[in-house]
Amino acid sequence: MAAPHSIDTKNPQTVAAMVKSAVVQAWPKASTTLIDRLFVDVTDMFRGRYPGYRAIDMFYHDYEHTLQATVCLTHILQGRHQSADQPALGQRDWELGLMAVLLHDCGFLKQSDDLTGTGAKYTLVHERRSCDFARQYLPGLGVTPAEINDVCSAIMCTGPQNRISSVPFGREQARLISFTLVTADYLAQMSAPDYVDELPILFREFQEAYEFEHVPVAKRPYHVVTDLLQKTPAFWGNYVRPMLDFEAGGVHRYLTTAGQPNPYIQAVEANIEEVRRRLGQGTGSI
């Protein structure tokens, strides 16, 4: 399995080529026309070329984050395809997973007449906004209502307050798509080489959302950036890792050969150790 972030995720064409190569490797006669369309449209969305929307104006949840998650999701799908695990995911399931990952953060996008603040103000509601966008956009790609429900169920599962086990799924493949998206979302961002350095940016996004939603100061989990640093190791160890192991079905196992270390989890744990190291220095900042 390729090492995390070995693909140039600043370049959507490079990521699209990697995804299409994986699809054709799994299904040699597969058409990749839909994947091309998805990447063109989503790139336009994030870069301000999509009618009615402004370019993404965030620095943590930017387009590269979406592309990093897309690469991780594709690696998981590849690993599972090579296993004998059932139920098998077909090409259409892969396409639905790609729709979900490419659209999962489009709820941060602001409409053309939205001139105040950044998309970070929608942090607490962006999953719902992403689904609202998907329900408008995907029918134009020939996606059925039932398939859109599968995509939106997966997107809603990425919210930290939403539990996968509480979401009803019409079929087991849809549940697996949700497992894969949630896993890719967390592992891609927390394994990123610049994850620790960008935590102050994430803190500012949270602060803008709390202000926009009028969250009382006493109910905010982070008041200064050091709070975010101090809580990050426990966030990984007490919430994310157990959730990925159990709630998300442990699909991260498909990122590695059995018996070998998982490169994504190794990268996350190295980042967590770096957070601890910086806190141990007593600087209280990044």
Foldseek 3Di string as FASTA:
>chain_A
DDFQPPFPLVDLVRLLVVLVVLLCVLPVPDDCVLSVVLSVQLVCLQPQNHPFWGHAPADQPHSSLLSSLSNQLSLLLSLVSPDPDPDRDDSVLNVLLNNLSSLLQSLLIDTPPPDDDGSLLCVVPSLVSSLVVCVVPVVVVVQDPLSSVLSSLLSVCLDLVDFLVVGDHPDVSSLLSSLSSNVSSVLSQLLDPCNLVCLQSVVVSLVSNCVSVVPDPVPDQDDHSLSVLVCVVCCVVVPVVVCSVPRSVVSLVSQDDPPDDRSSVVSNVVSNVVSVVVVVVVPSGD
